[in-house]
N, C-alpha and C. Protein backbone atom coordinates (compact mmCIF):
# COMPACT_ATOMS: atom_id res chain seq x y z
N MET A 1 184.21 73.66 -17.62
CA MET A 1 182.95 74.38 -17.84
C MET A 1 183.07 75.84 -17.43
N SER A 2 183.82 76.09 -16.36
CA SER A 2 183.94 77.47 -15.88
C SER A 2 184.67 78.36 -16.88
N GLN A 3 185.50 77.78 -17.74
CA GLN A 3 186.23 78.56 -18.74
C GLN A 3 185.28 79.18 -19.77
N LEU A 4 184.09 78.62 -19.91
CA LEU A 4 183.12 79.11 -20.90
C LEU A 4 182.25 80.24 -20.35
N ILE A 5 182.41 80.58 -19.07
CA ILE A 5 181.62 81.67 -18.49
C ILE A 5 182.11 83.00 -19.04
N ASP A 6 181.18 83.85 -19.44
CA ASP A 6 181.52 85.14 -20.02
C ASP A 6 182.34 85.99 -19.04
N PRO A 7 183.40 86.63 -19.52
CA PRO A 7 184.24 87.46 -18.63
C PRO A 7 183.49 88.63 -17.99
N GLY A 8 182.37 89.03 -18.57
CA GLY A 8 181.61 90.14 -18.01
C GLY A 8 180.71 89.76 -16.85
N GLU A 9 180.63 88.46 -16.53
CA GLU A 9 179.74 88.02 -15.45
C GLU A 9 180.45 88.03 -14.11
N ARG A 10 179.68 88.34 -13.07
CA ARG A 10 180.21 88.34 -11.71
C ARG A 10 179.95 86.97 -11.09
N ILE A 11 181.01 86.32 -10.64
CA ILE A 11 180.93 84.95 -10.13
C ILE A 11 181.31 84.94 -8.65
N VAL A 12 180.54 84.23 -7.85
CA VAL A 12 180.89 84.01 -6.44
C VAL A 12 181.16 82.52 -6.26
N THR A 13 182.35 82.17 -5.79
CA THR A 13 182.67 80.76 -5.50
C THR A 13 182.65 80.55 -3.99
N ILE A 14 182.10 79.42 -3.58
CA ILE A 14 181.98 79.08 -2.16
C ILE A 14 182.56 77.69 -1.95
N GLU A 15 183.59 77.59 -1.10
CA GLU A 15 184.28 76.31 -0.91
C GLU A 15 184.70 76.14 0.55
N ASN A 16 184.91 74.87 0.93
CA ASN A 16 185.50 74.60 2.25
C ASN A 16 186.99 74.93 2.25
N ALA A 17 187.66 74.60 1.18
CA ALA A 17 189.07 74.97 0.98
C ALA A 17 189.19 75.49 -0.44
N ALA A 18 189.71 76.69 -0.60
CA ALA A 18 189.76 77.33 -1.92
C ALA A 18 190.62 76.53 -2.88
N GLU A 19 189.99 75.93 -3.90
CA GLU A 19 190.70 75.13 -4.89
C GLU A 19 190.44 75.61 -6.31
N LEU A 20 189.25 76.17 -6.56
CA LEU A 20 188.90 76.61 -7.90
C LEU A 20 189.78 77.78 -8.33
N GLN A 21 190.27 77.71 -9.55
CA GLN A 21 191.15 78.76 -10.09
C GLN A 21 190.49 79.38 -11.32
N LEU A 22 189.43 80.14 -11.10
CA LEU A 22 188.73 80.77 -12.21
C LEU A 22 189.54 81.94 -12.75
N GLN A 23 189.52 82.10 -14.06
CA GLN A 23 190.34 83.12 -14.71
C GLN A 23 189.56 84.39 -15.07
N GLN A 24 188.26 84.41 -14.79
CA GLN A 24 187.47 85.60 -15.11
C GLN A 24 187.86 86.76 -14.18
N PRO A 25 187.67 88.00 -14.63
CA PRO A 25 188.10 89.15 -13.82
C PRO A 25 187.20 89.45 -12.62
N HIS A 26 185.92 89.05 -12.68
CA HIS A 26 184.98 89.41 -11.61
C HIS A 26 184.62 88.17 -10.78
N VAL A 27 185.56 87.72 -9.97
CA VAL A 27 185.35 86.52 -9.15
C VAL A 27 185.52 86.90 -7.67
N VAL A 28 184.52 86.53 -6.86
CA VAL A 28 184.60 86.71 -5.41
C VAL A 28 184.74 85.33 -4.80
N ARG A 29 185.83 85.09 -4.07
CA ARG A 29 186.08 83.77 -3.50
C ARG A 29 185.72 83.78 -2.02
N LEU A 30 184.79 82.93 -1.64
CA LEU A 30 184.38 82.81 -0.23
C LEU A 30 184.78 81.43 0.28
N GLU A 31 185.22 81.39 1.53
CA GLU A 31 185.72 80.14 2.12
C GLU A 31 185.14 79.98 3.52
N THR A 32 184.73 78.76 3.84
CA THR A 32 184.20 78.49 5.18
C THR A 32 185.30 78.61 6.23
N ARG A 33 184.89 78.76 7.49
CA ARG A 33 185.86 78.86 8.57
C ARG A 33 185.36 78.04 9.76
N PRO A 34 186.21 77.19 10.34
CA PRO A 34 185.77 76.42 11.51
C PRO A 34 185.70 77.30 12.75
N ALA A 35 185.01 76.81 13.77
CA ALA A 35 184.93 77.54 15.04
C ALA A 35 186.28 77.55 15.74
N ASN A 36 186.52 78.57 16.55
CA ASN A 36 187.77 78.62 17.32
C ASN A 36 187.67 77.72 18.55
N LEU A 37 188.66 77.76 19.42
CA LEU A 37 188.69 76.88 20.59
C LEU A 37 187.52 77.11 21.54
N GLU A 38 187.00 78.35 21.54
CA GLU A 38 185.85 78.66 22.40
C GLU A 38 184.52 78.29 21.75
N GLY A 39 184.59 77.80 20.50
CA GLY A 39 183.38 77.41 19.79
C GLY A 39 182.69 78.55 19.07
N ASP A 40 183.40 79.68 18.92
CA ASP A 40 182.83 80.85 18.26
C ASP A 40 183.48 81.08 16.89
N GLY A 41 182.84 81.92 16.11
CA GLY A 41 183.44 82.38 14.85
C GLY A 41 183.28 81.46 13.66
N GLU A 42 182.46 80.40 13.80
CA GLU A 42 182.29 79.49 12.66
C GLU A 42 181.52 80.16 11.53
N ILE A 43 181.98 79.97 10.31
CA ILE A 43 181.26 80.44 9.12
C ILE A 43 180.98 79.22 8.26
N THR A 44 179.72 78.90 8.10
CA THR A 44 179.33 77.69 7.37
C THR A 44 179.04 78.00 5.91
N MET A 45 178.92 76.93 5.12
CA MET A 45 178.54 77.07 3.71
C MET A 45 177.20 77.79 3.60
N ARG A 46 176.28 77.46 4.50
CA ARG A 46 174.95 78.07 4.43
C ARG A 46 175.04 79.58 4.67
N ASP A 47 175.87 79.99 5.62
CA ASP A 47 176.08 81.43 5.85
C ASP A 47 176.59 82.11 4.60
N LEU A 48 177.55 81.45 3.93
CA LEU A 48 178.16 82.05 2.75
C LEU A 48 177.19 82.13 1.57
N VAL A 49 176.37 81.10 1.40
CA VAL A 49 175.39 81.13 0.30
C VAL A 49 174.41 82.28 0.52
N LYS A 50 173.94 82.44 1.77
CA LYS A 50 173.00 83.53 2.07
C LYS A 50 173.65 84.89 1.80
N ASN A 51 174.89 85.05 2.23
CA ASN A 51 175.58 86.34 2.05
C ASN A 51 175.94 86.60 0.60
N SER A 52 176.20 85.53 -0.16
CA SER A 52 176.58 85.72 -1.57
C SER A 52 175.45 86.36 -2.37
N LEU A 53 174.20 86.15 -1.94
CA LEU A 53 173.05 86.72 -2.66
C LEU A 53 173.03 88.24 -2.56
N ARG A 54 173.73 88.79 -1.56
CA ARG A 54 173.80 90.26 -1.41
C ARG A 54 174.92 90.86 -2.24
N MET A 55 175.69 90.01 -2.92
CA MET A 55 176.86 90.48 -3.68
C MET A 55 176.56 90.65 -5.17
N ARG A 56 175.31 90.60 -5.54
CA ARG A 56 174.88 90.76 -6.93
C ARG A 56 175.61 89.81 -7.88
N PRO A 57 175.58 88.49 -7.57
CA PRO A 57 176.27 87.56 -8.47
C PRO A 57 175.42 87.22 -9.70
N ASP A 58 176.09 86.95 -10.82
CA ASP A 58 175.41 86.37 -11.97
C ASP A 58 175.36 84.85 -11.83
N ARG A 59 176.43 84.31 -11.24
CA ARG A 59 176.50 82.86 -11.00
C ARG A 59 177.10 82.60 -9.63
N ILE A 60 176.63 81.52 -9.01
CA ILE A 60 177.21 81.05 -7.75
C ILE A 60 177.73 79.64 -8.00
N ILE A 61 178.97 79.38 -7.60
CA ILE A 61 179.56 78.06 -7.78
C ILE A 61 179.92 77.51 -6.40
N LEU A 62 179.29 76.42 -6.01
CA LEU A 62 179.58 75.77 -4.73
C LEU A 62 180.54 74.62 -4.96
N GLY A 63 181.62 74.62 -4.20
CA GLY A 63 182.62 73.56 -4.35
C GLY A 63 182.05 72.18 -4.10
N GLU A 64 181.30 72.02 -3.03
CA GLU A 64 180.68 70.71 -2.76
C GLU A 64 179.51 70.90 -1.81
N VAL A 65 178.34 70.42 -2.22
CA VAL A 65 177.16 70.47 -1.37
C VAL A 65 177.10 69.16 -0.59
N ARG A 66 177.11 69.27 0.73
CA ARG A 66 177.07 68.03 1.52
C ARG A 66 176.15 68.13 2.74
N GLY A 67 175.42 69.24 2.85
CA GLY A 67 174.55 69.41 4.02
C GLY A 67 173.38 70.32 3.72
N TYR A 68 172.91 71.01 4.76
CA TYR A 68 171.69 71.80 4.62
C TYR A 68 171.85 73.08 3.82
N GLU A 69 173.09 73.38 3.35
CA GLU A 69 173.25 74.53 2.44
C GLU A 69 172.57 74.27 1.09
N ALA A 70 172.18 73.00 0.85
CA ALA A 70 171.45 72.65 -0.38
C ALA A 70 170.16 73.46 -0.50
N VAL A 71 169.52 73.77 0.63
CA VAL A 71 168.28 74.56 0.61
C VAL A 71 168.54 75.92 0.00
N ASP A 72 169.58 76.61 0.49
CA ASP A 72 169.86 77.96 0.01
C ASP A 72 170.37 77.95 -1.42
N MET A 73 171.09 76.89 -1.79
CA MET A 73 171.58 76.79 -3.16
C MET A 73 170.40 76.66 -4.13
N LEU A 74 169.43 75.82 -3.80
CA LEU A 74 168.25 75.66 -4.66
C LEU A 74 167.46 76.96 -4.74
N GLN A 75 167.37 77.67 -3.60
CA GLN A 75 166.67 78.96 -3.60
C GLN A 75 167.38 79.95 -4.53
N ALA A 76 168.73 79.96 -4.46
CA ALA A 76 169.51 80.88 -5.30
C ALA A 76 169.32 80.55 -6.77
N MET A 77 169.34 79.26 -7.11
CA MET A 77 169.17 78.85 -8.50
C MET A 77 167.77 79.18 -9.02
N ASN A 78 166.82 79.28 -8.09
CA ASN A 78 165.44 79.58 -8.47
C ASN A 78 165.10 81.07 -8.41
N THR A 79 166.10 81.91 -8.14
CA THR A 79 165.83 83.36 -8.04
C THR A 79 166.70 84.14 -9.02
N GLY A 80 166.85 83.60 -10.23
CA GLY A 80 167.50 84.35 -11.29
C GLY A 80 168.99 84.16 -11.45
N HIS A 81 169.58 83.19 -10.76
CA HIS A 81 171.02 82.94 -10.90
C HIS A 81 171.25 81.74 -11.81
N ASP A 82 170.78 81.87 -13.06
CA ASP A 82 170.95 80.81 -14.05
C ASP A 82 172.43 80.56 -14.29
N GLY A 83 172.78 79.30 -14.55
CA GLY A 83 174.17 78.98 -14.83
C GLY A 83 174.99 78.74 -13.58
N SER A 84 174.34 78.75 -12.41
CA SER A 84 175.06 78.41 -11.18
C SER A 84 175.37 76.93 -11.18
N MET A 85 176.44 76.55 -10.47
CA MET A 85 176.89 75.16 -10.47
C MET A 85 177.26 74.71 -9.06
N CYS A 86 177.16 73.42 -8.83
CA CYS A 86 177.64 72.84 -7.57
C CYS A 86 178.01 71.38 -7.84
N THR A 87 178.79 70.81 -6.95
CA THR A 87 179.14 69.40 -7.06
C THR A 87 178.50 68.62 -5.91
N VAL A 88 178.11 67.40 -6.21
CA VAL A 88 177.49 66.49 -5.24
C VAL A 88 178.10 65.11 -5.46
N HIS A 89 178.46 64.42 -4.40
CA HIS A 89 178.98 63.06 -4.54
C HIS A 89 177.82 62.07 -4.61
N ALA A 90 177.77 61.31 -5.70
CA ALA A 90 176.74 60.28 -5.88
C ALA A 90 177.21 59.30 -6.94
N ASN A 91 176.65 58.09 -6.92
CA ASN A 91 177.06 57.05 -7.87
C ASN A 91 176.46 57.25 -9.26
N GLN A 92 175.23 57.78 -9.31
CA GLN A 92 174.51 57.95 -10.57
C GLN A 92 173.78 59.30 -10.55
N PRO A 93 173.43 59.84 -11.73
CA PRO A 93 172.69 61.10 -11.76
C PRO A 93 171.39 61.08 -10.95
N ARG A 94 170.63 59.98 -11.03
CA ARG A 94 169.38 59.90 -10.26
C ARG A 94 169.67 59.95 -8.76
N GLU A 95 170.78 59.31 -8.36
CA GLU A 95 171.13 59.31 -6.93
C GLU A 95 171.56 60.68 -6.46
N ALA A 96 172.11 61.50 -7.37
CA ALA A 96 172.48 62.87 -7.01
C ALA A 96 171.23 63.66 -6.64
N LEU A 97 170.13 63.44 -7.36
CA LEU A 97 168.87 64.12 -7.05
C LEU A 97 168.32 63.65 -5.71
N THR A 98 168.42 62.35 -5.46
CA THR A 98 167.96 61.81 -4.18
C THR A 98 168.78 62.38 -3.03
N ARG A 99 170.10 62.48 -3.22
CA ARG A 99 170.96 63.06 -2.19
C ARG A 99 170.61 64.51 -1.91
N LEU A 100 170.34 65.28 -2.98
CA LEU A 100 169.93 66.68 -2.79
C LEU A 100 168.65 66.76 -1.97
N GLU A 101 167.70 65.90 -2.29
CA GLU A 101 166.44 65.89 -1.54
C GLU A 101 166.68 65.56 -0.08
N ASN A 102 167.55 64.60 0.18
CA ASN A 102 167.87 64.22 1.56
C ASN A 102 168.57 65.35 2.31
N MET A 103 169.44 66.09 1.60
CA MET A 103 170.16 67.19 2.24
C MET A 103 169.22 68.33 2.60
N VAL A 104 168.19 68.55 1.78
CA VAL A 104 167.18 69.55 2.13
C VAL A 104 166.46 69.12 3.40
N GLY A 105 166.20 67.82 3.51
CA GLY A 105 165.57 67.29 4.73
C GLY A 105 166.42 67.49 5.96
N MET A 106 167.76 67.48 5.80
CA MET A 106 168.68 67.67 6.93
C MET A 106 168.56 69.07 7.53
N ALA A 107 168.03 70.02 6.74
CA ALA A 107 167.93 71.40 7.22
C ALA A 107 166.80 71.57 8.24
N GLY A 108 165.98 70.53 8.40
CA GLY A 108 164.91 70.59 9.38
C GLY A 108 163.70 71.40 8.93
N ILE A 109 163.64 71.70 7.61
CA ILE A 109 162.51 72.45 7.08
C ILE A 109 161.40 71.46 6.74
N ASN A 110 160.23 71.70 7.28
CA ASN A 110 159.12 70.76 7.11
C ASN A 110 158.41 71.01 5.78
N LEU A 111 159.04 70.51 4.70
CA LEU A 111 158.44 70.64 3.37
C LEU A 111 158.05 69.27 2.86
N PRO A 112 156.90 69.15 2.20
CA PRO A 112 156.54 67.85 1.60
C PRO A 112 157.52 67.49 0.49
N SER A 113 157.70 66.19 0.27
CA SER A 113 158.65 65.71 -0.73
C SER A 113 158.37 66.30 -2.10
N LYS A 114 157.10 66.42 -2.45
CA LYS A 114 156.75 66.95 -3.78
C LYS A 114 157.23 68.39 -3.93
N ALA A 115 157.12 69.19 -2.87
CA ALA A 115 157.55 70.59 -2.93
C ALA A 115 159.06 70.68 -3.13
N VAL A 116 159.81 69.80 -2.44
CA VAL A 116 161.27 69.78 -2.58
C VAL A 116 161.65 69.38 -4.00
N ARG A 117 161.00 68.34 -4.51
CA ARG A 117 161.31 67.87 -5.87
C ARG A 117 160.95 68.91 -6.92
N THR A 118 159.88 69.65 -6.70
CA THR A 118 159.49 70.72 -7.63
C THR A 118 160.57 71.79 -7.67
N GLN A 119 161.13 72.13 -6.49
CA GLN A 119 162.22 73.11 -6.44
C GLN A 119 163.46 72.59 -7.17
N ILE A 120 163.78 71.31 -6.98
CA ILE A 120 164.93 70.71 -7.65
C ILE A 120 164.73 70.74 -9.17
N ALA A 121 163.52 70.36 -9.62
CA ALA A 121 163.23 70.33 -11.06
C ALA A 121 163.33 71.72 -11.68
N ALA A 122 162.92 72.75 -10.93
CA ALA A 122 162.96 74.11 -11.45
C ALA A 122 164.38 74.67 -11.45
N ALA A 123 165.22 74.21 -10.51
CA ALA A 123 166.56 74.78 -10.35
C ALA A 123 167.60 74.13 -11.25
N ILE A 124 167.48 72.84 -11.51
CA ILE A 124 168.56 72.10 -12.16
C ILE A 124 168.19 71.73 -13.59
N ASP A 125 169.08 72.06 -14.51
CA ASP A 125 168.90 71.68 -15.91
C ASP A 125 169.67 70.42 -16.26
N LEU A 126 170.94 70.37 -15.84
CA LEU A 126 171.83 69.27 -16.25
C LEU A 126 172.59 68.68 -15.08
N ILE A 127 172.82 67.39 -15.17
CA ILE A 127 173.72 66.70 -14.24
C ILE A 127 174.84 66.09 -15.08
N VAL A 128 176.07 66.49 -14.79
CA VAL A 128 177.24 65.93 -15.48
C VAL A 128 177.93 64.98 -14.51
N GLN A 129 177.89 63.69 -14.84
CA GLN A 129 178.49 62.66 -13.96
C GLN A 129 179.94 62.44 -14.34
N VAL A 130 180.82 62.61 -13.37
CA VAL A 130 182.25 62.35 -13.56
C VAL A 130 182.62 61.15 -12.69
N SER A 131 183.25 60.14 -13.29
CA SER A 131 183.61 58.93 -12.55
C SER A 131 185.09 58.64 -12.69
N ARG A 132 185.68 58.15 -11.60
CA ARG A 132 187.06 57.69 -11.65
C ARG A 132 187.03 56.24 -12.12
N MET A 133 187.67 55.97 -13.25
CA MET A 133 187.59 54.64 -13.85
C MET A 133 188.79 53.78 -13.45
N ARG A 134 188.77 52.52 -13.83
CA ARG A 134 189.76 51.57 -13.30
C ARG A 134 191.20 51.84 -13.77
N ASP A 135 191.37 52.69 -14.80
CA ASP A 135 192.73 53.04 -15.21
C ASP A 135 193.24 54.28 -14.46
N GLY A 136 192.43 54.74 -13.49
CA GLY A 136 192.84 55.88 -12.66
C GLY A 136 192.43 57.23 -13.20
N MET A 137 191.91 57.29 -14.41
CA MET A 137 191.51 58.57 -15.00
C MET A 137 190.05 58.88 -14.69
N ARG A 138 189.78 60.18 -14.51
CA ARG A 138 188.40 60.62 -14.35
C ARG A 138 187.84 60.99 -15.72
N ARG A 139 186.65 60.49 -15.99
CA ARG A 139 185.99 60.78 -17.26
C ARG A 139 184.54 61.14 -17.02
N ILE A 140 184.01 61.96 -17.92
CA ILE A 140 182.57 62.22 -17.91
C ILE A 140 181.89 60.96 -18.43
N THR A 141 181.00 60.39 -17.64
CA THR A 141 180.35 59.14 -18.04
C THR A 141 178.89 59.32 -18.41
N SER A 142 178.30 60.45 -18.03
CA SER A 142 176.90 60.68 -18.37
C SER A 142 176.58 62.17 -18.30
N ILE A 143 175.75 62.63 -19.25
CA ILE A 143 175.19 63.97 -19.18
C ILE A 143 173.68 63.78 -19.23
N THR A 144 173.02 64.11 -18.12
CA THR A 144 171.60 63.83 -17.95
C THR A 144 170.84 65.12 -17.70
N GLU A 145 169.70 65.25 -18.36
CA GLU A 145 168.87 66.45 -18.21
C GLU A 145 167.72 66.17 -17.25
N VAL A 146 167.42 67.15 -16.40
CA VAL A 146 166.22 67.09 -15.55
C VAL A 146 165.12 67.82 -16.32
N THR A 147 164.08 67.08 -16.71
CA THR A 147 163.06 67.66 -17.60
C THR A 147 161.83 68.17 -16.86
N GLY A 148 161.65 67.80 -15.60
CA GLY A 148 160.49 68.29 -14.85
C GLY A 148 159.91 67.23 -13.93
N MET A 149 158.63 67.36 -13.66
CA MET A 149 157.94 66.45 -12.75
C MET A 149 156.80 65.74 -13.47
N GLU A 150 156.56 64.52 -13.05
CA GLU A 150 155.38 63.78 -13.51
C GLU A 150 154.75 63.18 -12.26
N GLY A 151 153.68 63.80 -11.79
CA GLY A 151 153.14 63.42 -10.49
C GLY A 151 154.10 63.84 -9.41
N ASP A 152 154.55 62.88 -8.60
CA ASP A 152 155.51 63.16 -7.53
C ASP A 152 156.93 62.77 -7.91
N VAL A 153 157.14 62.40 -9.18
CA VAL A 153 158.43 61.84 -9.59
C VAL A 153 159.20 62.83 -10.47
N LEU A 154 160.50 62.99 -10.17
CA LEU A 154 161.38 63.79 -11.02
C LEU A 154 161.68 63.01 -12.29
N ILE A 155 161.56 63.67 -13.44
CA ILE A 155 161.79 63.02 -14.73
C ILE A 155 163.14 63.47 -15.28
N THR A 156 163.94 62.52 -15.71
CA THR A 156 165.24 62.81 -16.31
C THR A 156 165.35 62.11 -17.66
N GLN A 157 166.25 62.62 -18.50
CA GLN A 157 166.58 61.90 -19.74
C GLN A 157 168.07 62.05 -19.98
N GLU A 158 168.71 60.93 -20.33
CA GLU A 158 170.15 60.95 -20.58
C GLU A 158 170.40 61.44 -22.00
N LEU A 159 171.22 62.48 -22.13
CA LEU A 159 171.54 63.04 -23.45
C LEU A 159 172.77 62.39 -24.06
N PHE A 160 173.78 62.12 -23.21
CA PHE A 160 175.01 61.48 -23.67
C PHE A 160 175.45 60.47 -22.61
N ASN A 161 176.08 59.40 -23.05
CA ASN A 161 176.74 58.51 -22.10
C ASN A 161 178.05 57.99 -22.70
N TYR A 162 178.95 57.63 -21.82
CA TYR A 162 180.27 57.14 -22.23
C TYR A 162 180.19 55.64 -22.49
N VAL A 163 180.58 55.22 -23.67
CA VAL A 163 180.52 53.80 -24.04
C VAL A 163 181.95 53.25 -24.04
N PHE A 164 182.21 52.30 -23.16
CA PHE A 164 183.52 51.66 -23.07
C PHE A 164 183.73 50.74 -24.27
N GLU A 165 184.91 50.85 -24.92
CA GLU A 165 185.16 50.05 -26.13
C GLU A 165 186.38 49.14 -26.00
N GLY A 166 187.15 49.28 -24.95
CA GLY A 166 188.34 48.43 -24.78
C GLY A 166 189.45 49.21 -24.10
N GLU A 167 190.67 48.72 -24.25
CA GLU A 167 191.81 49.43 -23.68
C GLU A 167 193.02 49.30 -24.61
N ASP A 168 193.92 50.28 -24.52
CA ASP A 168 195.10 50.26 -25.38
C ASP A 168 196.23 49.46 -24.73
N ASN A 169 197.39 49.42 -25.38
CA ASN A 169 198.53 48.63 -24.88
C ASN A 169 199.05 49.13 -23.55
N ALA A 170 198.81 50.42 -23.25
CA ALA A 170 199.28 50.99 -21.98
C ALA A 170 198.28 50.78 -20.85
N GLY A 171 197.16 50.12 -21.13
CA GLY A 171 196.15 49.86 -20.09
C GLY A 171 195.14 50.97 -19.91
N GLN A 172 195.20 51.98 -20.80
CA GLN A 172 194.23 53.08 -20.70
C GLN A 172 192.94 52.70 -21.42
N LEU A 173 191.82 53.03 -20.79
CA LEU A 173 190.53 52.68 -21.36
C LEU A 173 190.23 53.53 -22.59
N ILE A 174 189.56 52.93 -23.55
CA ILE A 174 189.17 53.61 -24.78
C ILE A 174 187.64 53.59 -24.84
N GLY A 175 187.08 54.74 -25.20
CA GLY A 175 185.63 54.82 -25.31
C GLY A 175 185.21 56.08 -26.03
N ASN A 176 183.94 56.21 -26.27
CA ASN A 176 183.39 57.37 -26.95
C ASN A 176 182.07 57.78 -26.34
N PHE A 177 181.71 59.05 -26.55
CA PHE A 177 180.40 59.52 -26.13
C PHE A 177 179.36 59.11 -27.16
N LYS A 178 178.23 58.63 -26.66
CA LYS A 178 177.12 58.25 -27.52
C LYS A 178 175.94 59.16 -27.21
N SER A 179 175.42 59.83 -28.25
CA SER A 179 174.26 60.70 -28.07
C SER A 179 172.99 59.86 -28.08
N SER A 180 172.04 60.23 -27.23
CA SER A 180 170.75 59.54 -27.20
C SER A 180 169.88 59.97 -28.38
N GLY A 181 170.25 61.10 -29.02
CA GLY A 181 169.46 61.62 -30.14
C GLY A 181 168.24 62.41 -29.71
N LEU A 182 168.05 62.57 -28.39
CA LEU A 182 166.90 63.32 -27.89
C LEU A 182 167.17 64.82 -27.95
N ARG A 183 166.14 65.58 -28.25
CA ARG A 183 166.26 67.03 -28.24
C ARG A 183 166.18 67.51 -26.80
N PRO A 184 167.18 68.24 -26.32
CA PRO A 184 167.15 68.69 -24.91
C PRO A 184 165.94 69.57 -24.63
N ASN A 185 165.40 69.43 -23.45
CA ASN A 185 164.24 70.20 -23.04
C ASN A 185 164.56 71.70 -22.91
N PHE A 186 165.85 72.00 -22.65
CA PHE A 186 166.25 73.40 -22.45
C PHE A 186 166.72 74.05 -23.76
N ALA A 187 166.34 73.47 -24.91
CA ALA A 187 166.77 74.01 -26.22
C ALA A 187 166.29 75.44 -26.42
N GLU A 188 165.07 75.76 -25.93
CA GLU A 188 164.55 77.13 -26.08
C GLU A 188 165.38 78.12 -25.28
N LYS A 189 165.80 77.71 -24.09
CA LYS A 189 166.65 78.57 -23.27
C LYS A 189 168.00 78.78 -23.96
N ALA A 190 168.52 77.73 -24.58
CA ALA A 190 169.78 77.84 -25.32
C ALA A 190 169.64 78.79 -26.51
N GLU A 191 168.47 78.76 -27.15
CA GLU A 191 168.22 79.65 -28.29
C GLU A 191 168.23 81.11 -27.84
N TYR A 192 167.69 81.38 -26.66
CA TYR A 192 167.67 82.74 -26.11
C TYR A 192 169.09 83.28 -25.98
N PHE A 193 170.04 82.40 -25.60
CA PHE A 193 171.43 82.82 -25.42
C PHE A 193 172.27 82.64 -26.69
N GLY A 194 171.60 82.29 -27.81
CA GLY A 194 172.30 82.16 -29.08
C GLY A 194 173.12 80.89 -29.20
N LEU A 195 172.77 79.86 -28.41
CA LEU A 195 173.54 78.62 -28.40
C LEU A 195 172.77 77.44 -29.00
N ASP A 196 171.64 77.72 -29.64
CA ASP A 196 170.79 76.62 -30.12
C ASP A 196 171.46 75.79 -31.20
N LYS A 197 172.14 76.46 -32.16
CA LYS A 197 172.79 75.72 -33.26
C LYS A 197 173.94 74.86 -32.72
N THR A 198 174.71 75.42 -31.78
CA THR A 198 175.81 74.67 -31.18
C THR A 198 175.29 73.45 -30.44
N LEU A 199 174.20 73.64 -29.70
CA LEU A 199 173.62 72.56 -28.93
C LEU A 199 173.10 71.45 -29.83
N LEU A 200 172.35 71.82 -30.84
CA LEU A 200 171.76 70.80 -31.72
C LEU A 200 172.82 70.09 -32.56
N ALA A 201 173.92 70.80 -32.89
CA ALA A 201 175.02 70.15 -33.61
C ALA A 201 175.68 69.10 -32.74
N ALA A 202 175.78 69.37 -31.43
CA ALA A 202 176.40 68.40 -30.50
C ALA A 202 175.51 67.18 -30.33
N VAL A 203 174.19 67.40 -30.29
CA VAL A 203 173.25 66.30 -30.10
C VAL A 203 173.15 65.48 -31.38
C-alpha cells in the first residue's frame, strides 16, 4: 500500500524498531528509545506521534499501535492527515475496533464510549485484515469499511473477503477475493482524488 503513496507527499513513520522501507523521497523515520539504566531518556510512541505533528506530515504511518498512543493517532487522523496508516493485532476487523477503543481507555482519559467510537468512525475508513494461514503464507482475508455510527454502535460493511477454494499439490491454499457488491461509503472522497472509476471497477 505504501508504494502507491505519491512521491510528492511528506511521510513520517513511527516504529519500535525501524523495519519499513519506504521508497518515497520525503520520508522521516522516527524510532522509539527505551530508558537508560538510570530510568531516563525514554522516548515513547506517544511522544513521537505528538512530535510528528510538528513536522508538517501529509501522512503518518505507525508500525504497531499497542497502547495509549492510539489516542494521539486518532487525533492526527482527525486533523487533516488523510491516508495515515497503522497496524493493530486482532483476530477480526470488528475486534480491531474494540482493541483501539480499549487502548484509548488505557491512556486514562475520561471519555464516554460513544465519544471514543465517534472519533474512531471519523478517523478510519478501511480495515485490511491480514492473516497467516495454515500453509504458512500471509494473505489479505478481509477488506472492511467503517461507515459511521448508529446510536452507540460502530457500523462496518465488508467490501471484499477471501474465499478458500482448496489446495494445490504442493499444499498451498487456493482462493479468490469475493466482492460484496456494495458501493463503498468513501466513494465521494475517492472521486475527489480522481480514483472513483478505479474504485468502482474493483468493486
